Amino acid sequence: MSGLKKTVIRAGLETLYFSGAHALMKPFVGGIGAILTLHHVRPPRPDRFQPNQLLEVTPRFLENVVRNLRRRQLDLSWWVIRGLEKLGLVWNVQVPDAAQLERRRVHAV
């Protein structure tokens, strides 16, 4: 990432935080999702000095995360549409009832 781009992004995020605007946005974007930033996926290492250990995950951990996400059948598009609806950018969104959802549900193996 270029130095200017990083500076602009940081300034924008700090402005949101220090102005208190982030609290006003919470009802619209709070809890919409999670971001996983994985720098390395590799087996555990026995090295004593591992300054980036917090940025590493094991293949087993990654497999468990993917398995859980698939089992829960998280639908990112639903969250995006709901967020856009809360912002007033889409309207007349129809949400299926429980019976419709069950008919379309793909059961995890």
N, C-alpha and C. Protein backbone atom coordinates (compact mmCIF):
# COMPACT_ATOMS: atom_id res chain seq x y z
N MET A 1 0.86 -1.17 0.00
CA MET A 1 0.00 0.00 0.00
C MET A 1 0.90 1.22 0.00
N SER A 2 0.58 2.17 -0.85
CA SER A 2 1.41 3.37 -0.94
C SER A 2 1.28 4.20 0.34
N GLY A 3 2.30 5.00 0.59
CA GLY A 3 2.31 5.83 1.80
C GLY A 3 1.15 6.81 1.85
N LEU A 4 0.83 7.42 0.72
CA LEU A 4 -0.28 8.39 0.67
C LEU A 4 -1.61 7.70 0.93
N LYS A 5 -1.83 6.56 0.28
CA LYS A 5 -3.08 5.82 0.45
C LYS A 5 -3.27 5.41 1.92
N LYS A 6 -2.21 4.90 2.52
CA LYS A 6 -2.26 4.49 3.92
C LYS A 6 -2.56 5.68 4.83
N THR A 7 -1.96 6.81 4.55
CA THR A 7 -2.18 8.02 5.34
C THR A 7 -3.61 8.51 5.23
N VAL A 8 -4.17 8.47 4.02
CA VAL A 8 -5.54 8.92 3.82
C VAL A 8 -6.53 8.00 4.54
N ILE A 9 -6.32 6.68 4.42
CA ILE A 9 -7.21 5.73 5.10
C ILE A 9 -7.12 5.91 6.61
N ARG A 10 -5.91 6.03 7.12
CA ARG A 10 -5.75 6.20 8.56
C ARG A 10 -6.41 7.50 9.04
N ALA A 11 -6.21 8.57 8.29
CA ALA A 11 -6.81 9.86 8.66
C ALA A 11 -8.34 9.76 8.68
N GLY A 12 -8.91 9.06 7.71
CA GLY A 12 -10.35 8.90 7.66
C GLY A 12 -10.88 8.11 8.85
N LEU A 13 -10.20 7.01 9.18
CA LEU A 13 -10.63 6.20 10.32
C LEU A 13 -10.46 6.95 11.64
N GLU A 14 -9.37 7.68 11.77
CA GLU A 14 -9.17 8.46 12.99
C GLU A 14 -10.21 9.58 13.11
N THR A 15 -10.56 10.18 11.99
CA THR A 15 -11.59 11.22 12.01
C THR A 15 -12.92 10.65 12.48
N LEU A 16 -13.28 9.47 11.95
CA LEU A 16 -14.51 8.82 12.41
C LEU A 16 -14.47 8.57 13.91
N TYR A 17 -13.35 8.08 14.39
CA TYR A 17 -13.25 7.73 15.81
C TYR A 17 -13.27 8.97 16.71
N PHE A 18 -12.36 9.90 16.46
CA PHE A 18 -12.20 11.05 17.35
C PHE A 18 -13.37 12.05 17.25
N SER A 19 -14.09 12.03 16.15
CA SER A 19 -15.26 12.92 16.03
C SER A 19 -16.50 12.30 16.70
N GLY A 20 -16.43 11.01 16.97
CA GLY A 20 -17.58 10.31 17.54
C GLY A 20 -18.55 9.81 16.48
N ALA A 21 -18.24 10.06 15.22
CA ALA A 21 -19.13 9.64 14.14
C ALA A 21 -19.27 8.12 14.07
N HIS A 22 -18.25 7.40 14.55
CA HIS A 22 -18.34 5.94 14.52
C HIS A 22 -19.51 5.45 15.37
N ALA A 23 -19.82 6.15 16.45
CA ALA A 23 -20.94 5.76 17.32
C ALA A 23 -22.28 5.99 16.61
N LEU A 24 -22.35 7.02 15.79
CA LEU A 24 -23.58 7.29 15.04
C LEU A 24 -23.81 6.25 13.94
N MET A 25 -22.73 5.68 13.43
CA MET A 25 -22.83 4.70 12.36
C MET A 25 -23.13 3.29 12.87
N LYS A 26 -22.94 3.06 14.17
CA LYS A 26 -23.08 1.71 14.72
C LYS A 26 -24.42 1.03 14.39
N PRO A 27 -25.56 1.75 14.48
CA PRO A 27 -26.82 1.07 14.15
C PRO A 27 -26.89 0.58 12.70
N PHE A 28 -26.12 1.19 11.82
CA PHE A 28 -26.16 0.82 10.41
C PHE A 28 -25.15 -0.24 10.03
N VAL A 29 -23.99 -0.22 10.67
CA VAL A 29 -22.93 -1.14 10.26
C VAL A 29 -22.42 -2.02 11.39
N GLY A 30 -22.87 -1.80 12.62
CA GLY A 30 -22.38 -2.60 13.74
C GLY A 30 -22.82 -4.04 13.64
N GLY A 31 -21.88 -4.95 13.80
CA GLY A 31 -22.19 -6.36 13.81
C GLY A 31 -22.52 -6.95 12.46
N ILE A 32 -22.19 -6.25 11.38
CA ILE A 32 -22.52 -6.76 10.05
C ILE A 32 -21.63 -7.94 9.68
N GLY A 33 -20.42 -7.97 10.15
CA GLY A 33 -19.57 -9.09 9.78
C GLY A 33 -18.24 -9.04 10.49
N ALA A 34 -17.37 -9.88 10.03
CA ALA A 34 -16.02 -9.95 10.60
C ALA A 34 -15.03 -10.06 9.46
N ILE A 35 -13.86 -9.56 9.71
CA ILE A 35 -12.79 -9.63 8.73
C ILE A 35 -11.69 -10.49 9.31
N LEU A 36 -11.30 -11.51 8.60
CA LEU A 36 -10.19 -12.35 9.03
C LEU A 36 -8.96 -11.95 8.22
N THR A 37 -7.94 -11.48 8.90
CA THR A 37 -6.69 -11.13 8.23
C THR A 37 -5.67 -12.18 8.61
N LEU A 38 -5.36 -13.04 7.67
CA LEU A 38 -4.44 -14.14 7.92
C LEU A 38 -3.18 -13.92 7.08
N HIS A 39 -2.08 -13.65 7.75
CA HIS A 39 -0.84 -13.40 7.03
C HIS A 39 -0.14 -14.69 6.65
N HIS A 40 -0.25 -15.69 7.53
CA HIS A 40 0.40 -16.97 7.26
C HIS A 40 -0.48 -18.10 7.76
N VAL A 41 -0.61 -19.13 6.94
CA VAL A 41 -1.26 -20.36 7.36
C VAL A 41 -0.17 -21.42 7.28
N ARG A 42 0.25 -21.91 8.44
CA ARG A 42 1.32 -22.90 8.48
C ARG A 42 1.28 -23.67 9.79
N PRO A 43 1.91 -24.83 9.80
CA PRO A 43 1.92 -25.62 11.05
C PRO A 43 2.61 -24.84 12.17
N PRO A 44 2.28 -25.17 13.42
CA PRO A 44 2.92 -24.47 14.54
C PRO A 44 4.44 -24.68 14.50
N ARG A 45 5.15 -23.64 14.89
CA ARG A 45 6.62 -23.72 14.88
C ARG A 45 7.14 -23.69 16.31
N PRO A 46 8.22 -24.39 16.58
CA PRO A 46 8.76 -24.45 17.93
C PRO A 46 9.67 -23.26 18.29
N ASP A 47 9.91 -22.36 17.36
CA ASP A 47 10.82 -21.23 17.61
C ASP A 47 10.37 -20.44 18.83
N ARG A 48 11.31 -20.02 19.66
CA ARG A 48 10.96 -19.22 20.83
C ARG A 48 10.59 -17.80 20.43
N PHE A 49 11.32 -17.24 19.46
CA PHE A 49 11.07 -15.87 19.04
C PHE A 49 10.18 -15.89 17.81
N GLN A 50 8.92 -15.47 17.97
CA GLN A 50 7.96 -15.42 16.87
C GLN A 50 7.18 -14.11 16.97
N PRO A 51 7.77 -13.01 16.51
CA PRO A 51 7.11 -11.71 16.68
C PRO A 51 5.79 -11.57 15.93
N ASN A 52 5.57 -12.38 14.91
CA ASN A 52 4.32 -12.28 14.13
C ASN A 52 3.38 -13.45 14.40
N GLN A 53 3.55 -14.10 15.54
CA GLN A 53 2.73 -15.27 15.84
C GLN A 53 1.24 -14.95 15.87
N LEU A 54 0.88 -13.74 16.28
CA LEU A 54 -0.53 -13.36 16.33
C LEU A 54 -1.16 -13.26 14.94
N LEU A 55 -0.34 -13.19 13.91
CA LEU A 55 -0.84 -13.08 12.54
C LEU A 55 -0.85 -14.43 11.82
N GLU A 56 -0.52 -15.49 12.55
CA GLU A 56 -0.44 -16.82 11.95
C GLU A 56 -1.55 -17.72 12.48
N VAL A 57 -2.04 -18.59 11.62
CA VAL A 57 -2.98 -19.62 12.04
C VAL A 57 -2.50 -20.95 11.47
N THR A 58 -2.92 -22.01 12.12
CA THR A 58 -2.56 -23.35 11.64
C THR A 58 -3.56 -23.80 10.59
N PRO A 59 -3.15 -24.72 9.73
CA PRO A 59 -4.10 -25.26 8.75
C PRO A 59 -5.33 -25.86 9.42
N ARG A 60 -5.15 -26.50 10.56
CA ARG A 60 -6.29 -27.10 11.28
C ARG A 60 -7.30 -26.02 11.71
N PHE A 61 -6.79 -24.90 12.23
CA PHE A 61 -7.67 -23.81 12.64
C PHE A 61 -8.45 -23.28 11.45
N LEU A 62 -7.77 -23.05 10.32
CA LEU A 62 -8.43 -22.54 9.13
C LEU A 62 -9.50 -23.50 8.64
N GLU A 63 -9.21 -24.80 8.64
CA GLU A 63 -10.19 -25.79 8.24
C GLU A 63 -11.43 -25.75 9.14
N ASN A 64 -11.22 -25.58 10.44
CA ASN A 64 -12.34 -25.50 11.38
C ASN A 64 -13.19 -24.25 11.13
N VAL A 65 -12.55 -23.13 10.85
CA VAL A 65 -13.29 -21.90 10.56
C VAL A 65 -14.14 -22.07 9.31
N VAL A 66 -13.55 -22.59 8.25
CA VAL A 66 -14.28 -22.78 6.99
C VAL A 66 -15.43 -23.76 7.20
N ARG A 67 -15.19 -24.85 7.93
CA ARG A 67 -16.23 -25.83 8.19
C ARG A 67 -17.40 -25.20 8.96
N ASN A 68 -17.09 -24.41 9.98
CA ASN A 68 -18.14 -23.75 10.76
C ASN A 68 -18.93 -22.75 9.92
N LEU A 69 -18.25 -21.99 9.08
CA LEU A 69 -18.95 -21.03 8.23
C LEU A 69 -19.89 -21.75 7.27
N ARG A 70 -19.42 -22.86 6.71
CA ARG A 70 -20.28 -23.62 5.80
C ARG A 70 -21.45 -24.24 6.55
N ARG A 71 -21.21 -24.76 7.74
CA ARG A 71 -22.28 -25.38 8.51
C ARG A 71 -23.36 -24.37 8.87
N ARG A 72 -22.94 -23.17 9.20
CA ARG A 72 -23.91 -22.13 9.58
C ARG A 72 -24.57 -21.49 8.37
N GLN A 73 -24.05 -21.76 7.20
CA GLN A 73 -24.58 -21.25 5.94
C GLN A 73 -24.76 -19.74 5.98
N LEU A 74 -23.70 -19.05 6.37
CA LEU A 74 -23.75 -17.60 6.42
C LEU A 74 -23.86 -17.05 5.01
N ASP A 75 -24.74 -16.12 4.83
CA ASP A 75 -25.00 -15.54 3.52
C ASP A 75 -24.58 -14.08 3.55
N LEU A 76 -23.40 -13.81 3.03
CA LEU A 76 -22.87 -12.45 3.04
C LEU A 76 -23.76 -11.49 2.26
N SER A 77 -24.36 -11.95 1.17
CA SER A 77 -25.20 -11.06 0.37
C SER A 77 -26.39 -10.55 1.17
N TRP A 78 -26.95 -11.40 2.06
CA TRP A 78 -28.07 -10.97 2.90
C TRP A 78 -27.67 -9.80 3.77
N TRP A 79 -26.48 -9.89 4.37
CA TRP A 79 -26.00 -8.81 5.24
C TRP A 79 -25.77 -7.53 4.45
N VAL A 80 -25.26 -7.65 3.24
CA VAL A 80 -25.02 -6.47 2.41
C VAL A 80 -26.36 -5.81 2.07
N ILE A 81 -27.34 -6.61 1.66
CA ILE A 81 -28.65 -6.06 1.31
C ILE A 81 -29.29 -5.40 2.52
N ARG A 82 -29.22 -6.04 3.70
CA ARG A 82 -29.79 -5.45 4.91
C ARG A 82 -29.09 -4.14 5.25
N GLY A 83 -27.78 -4.09 5.09
CA GLY A 83 -27.04 -2.85 5.36
C GLY A 83 -27.46 -1.74 4.41
N LEU A 84 -27.61 -2.08 3.13
CA LEU A 84 -28.04 -1.09 2.14
C LEU A 84 -29.46 -0.61 2.44
N GLU A 85 -30.30 -1.53 2.94
CA GLU A 85 -31.66 -1.15 3.30
C GLU A 85 -31.65 -0.17 4.47
N LYS A 86 -30.80 -0.42 5.47
CA LYS A 86 -30.72 0.48 6.62
C LYS A 86 -30.20 1.86 6.21
N LEU A 87 -29.36 1.89 5.19
CA LEU A 87 -28.85 3.17 4.69
C LEU A 87 -29.84 3.87 3.76
N GLY A 88 -30.93 3.19 3.42
CA GLY A 88 -31.93 3.78 2.54
C GLY A 88 -31.59 3.69 1.07
N LEU A 89 -30.62 2.84 0.73
CA LEU A 89 -30.19 2.72 -0.66
C LEU A 89 -30.99 1.66 -1.42
N VAL A 90 -31.66 0.76 -0.69
CA VAL A 90 -32.59 -0.19 -1.30
C VAL A 90 -33.85 -0.21 -0.45
N TRP A 91 -34.96 -0.59 -1.05
CA TRP A 91 -36.22 -0.59 -0.32
C TRP A 91 -37.09 -1.73 -0.83
N ASN A 92 -38.22 -1.93 -0.16
CA ASN A 92 -39.15 -3.03 -0.48
C ASN A 92 -38.45 -4.40 -0.46
N VAL A 93 -37.54 -4.57 0.47
CA VAL A 93 -36.84 -5.85 0.60
C VAL A 93 -37.80 -6.85 1.23
N GLN A 94 -37.96 -7.98 0.58
CA GLN A 94 -38.85 -9.02 1.09
C GLN A 94 -38.02 -10.14 1.69
N VAL A 95 -38.31 -10.47 2.93
CA VAL A 95 -37.58 -11.51 3.64
C VAL A 95 -38.45 -12.76 3.68
N PRO A 96 -37.92 -13.92 3.27
CA PRO A 96 -38.73 -15.14 3.27
C PRO A 96 -39.07 -15.57 4.70
N ASP A 97 -40.21 -16.23 4.85
CA ASP A 97 -40.59 -16.72 6.17
C ASP A 97 -39.84 -18.02 6.47
N ALA A 98 -40.01 -18.56 7.67
CA ALA A 98 -39.26 -19.74 8.12
C ALA A 98 -39.51 -20.95 7.22
N ALA A 99 -40.76 -21.14 6.79
CA ALA A 99 -41.08 -22.29 5.94
C ALA A 99 -40.36 -22.20 4.59
N GLN A 100 -40.33 -21.00 4.01
CA GLN A 100 -39.62 -20.82 2.73
C GLN A 100 -38.13 -21.08 2.90
N LEU A 101 -37.56 -20.59 3.99
CA LEU A 101 -36.13 -20.81 4.24
C LEU A 101 -35.82 -22.29 4.40
N GLU A 102 -36.66 -23.01 5.13
CA GLU A 102 -36.43 -24.44 5.36
C GLU A 102 -36.48 -25.22 4.06
N ARG A 103 -37.40 -24.87 3.16
CA ARG A 103 -37.50 -25.56 1.86
C ARG A 103 -36.24 -25.38 1.03
N ARG A 104 -35.60 -24.23 1.17
CA ARG A 104 -34.41 -23.94 0.35
C ARG A 104 -33.11 -24.31 1.04
N ARG A 105 -33.18 -24.68 2.30
CA ARG A 105 -31.98 -24.95 3.09
C ARG A 105 -31.22 -26.15 2.54
N VAL A 106 -29.93 -25.99 2.43
CA VAL A 106 -29.05 -27.09 2.05
C VAL A 106 -28.48 -27.62 3.34
N HIS A 107 -28.77 -28.86 3.64
CA HIS A 107 -28.34 -29.43 4.92
C HIS A 107 -26.87 -29.82 4.86
N ALA A 108 -26.12 -29.36 5.88
CA ALA A 108 -24.68 -29.62 5.95
C ALA A 108 -24.44 -31.10 6.16
N VAL A 109 -23.38 -31.57 5.56
CA VAL A 109 -23.01 -32.99 5.67
C VAL A 109 -22.14 -33.19 6.88
